[in-house]
Protein backbone atom coordinates (compact mmCIF):
# COMPACT_ATOMS: atom_id res chain seq x y z
CA MET A 1 -18.20 35.45 18.85
CA PRO A 2 -15.74 32.68 17.85
CA GLN A 3 -12.64 32.24 19.92
CA PRO A 4 -9.26 32.67 18.25
CA SER A 5 -7.48 29.47 17.24
CA GLU A 6 -5.14 28.28 19.93
CA PRO A 7 -1.70 26.87 19.05
CA ASP A 8 -2.76 23.58 20.63
CA ASP A 9 -5.61 23.25 18.11
CA ASP A 10 -3.20 23.80 15.23
CA TRP A 11 -0.90 21.11 16.60
CA LYS A 12 -3.78 18.64 16.93
CA THR A 13 -4.82 19.30 13.33
CA THR A 14 -1.26 18.72 12.11
CA VAL A 15 -0.94 15.48 14.08
CA ASN A 16 -4.31 14.26 12.77
CA LEU A 17 -3.30 14.95 9.16
CA LEU A 18 0.01 13.16 9.65
CA GLY A 19 -1.83 10.22 11.18
CA ILE A 20 -4.15 10.00 8.18
CA ILE A 21 -1.18 10.12 5.80
CA VAL A 22 0.58 7.32 7.69
CA ILE A 23 -2.56 5.17 7.67
CA LEU A 24 -2.99 5.68 3.91
CA LEU A 25 0.65 4.74 3.31
CA VAL A 26 0.31 1.58 5.39
CA LEU A 27 -2.89 0.62 3.54
CA GLY A 28 -1.22 1.24 0.19
CA ALA A 29 1.76 -0.90 1.17
CA GLY A 30 -0.61 -3.65 2.33
CA VAL A 31 -2.49 -3.67 -0.98
CA TRP A 32 0.79 -3.76 -2.91
CA LEU A 33 2.03 -6.65 -0.75
CA ILE A 34 -1.18 -8.63 -1.31
CA PHE A 35 -0.85 -8.25 -5.09
CA GLU A 36 2.82 -9.25 -5.02
CA LEU A 37 2.10 -12.32 -2.87
CA ASP A 38 -0.71 -13.33 -5.24
CA ARG A 39 1.60 -12.95 -8.25
CA ALA A 40 4.28 -15.04 -6.52
CA ARG A 41 1.72 -17.71 -5.60
CA LYS A 42 0.55 -17.96 -9.20
CA ALA A 43 4.13 -18.27 -10.42
CA GLN A 44 4.84 -20.95 -7.83
CA ASP A 45 1.71 -22.89 -8.82
CA CYS A 46 2.74 -22.73 -12.46
CA LEU A 47 6.28 -23.92 -11.74
CA SER A 48 5.11 -26.75 -9.52
CA SER A 49 2.81 -27.99 -12.28
CA THR A 50 5.91 -28.56 -14.48
CA MET A 51 4.76 -26.15 -17.17
CA ARG A 52 7.54 -24.68 -19.24
CA ALA A 53 6.13 -21.29 -20.22
CA CYS A 54 5.10 -19.87 -16.87
CA ARG A 55 6.20 -16.31 -17.50
CA ARG A 56 6.08 -14.27 -20.63
CA ILE A 57 9.00 -12.12 -21.58
CA GLU A 58 7.61 -8.91 -22.95
CA THR A 59 9.54 -7.19 -25.70
CA GLN A 60 9.01 -3.68 -26.91
């Protein structure tokens, strides 16, 4: 016969879910930061090579 769920078990489940959410947010921010740093590096390389058209201006 299974034992009834204790309040402590519910709290542990909630904390585990919150921990997973925080880890996913940190990983997402890290991936975004890597892409932004790569984009900035490419722009810096272009500007340091004395090219004039380093960035395109997109019009709609």
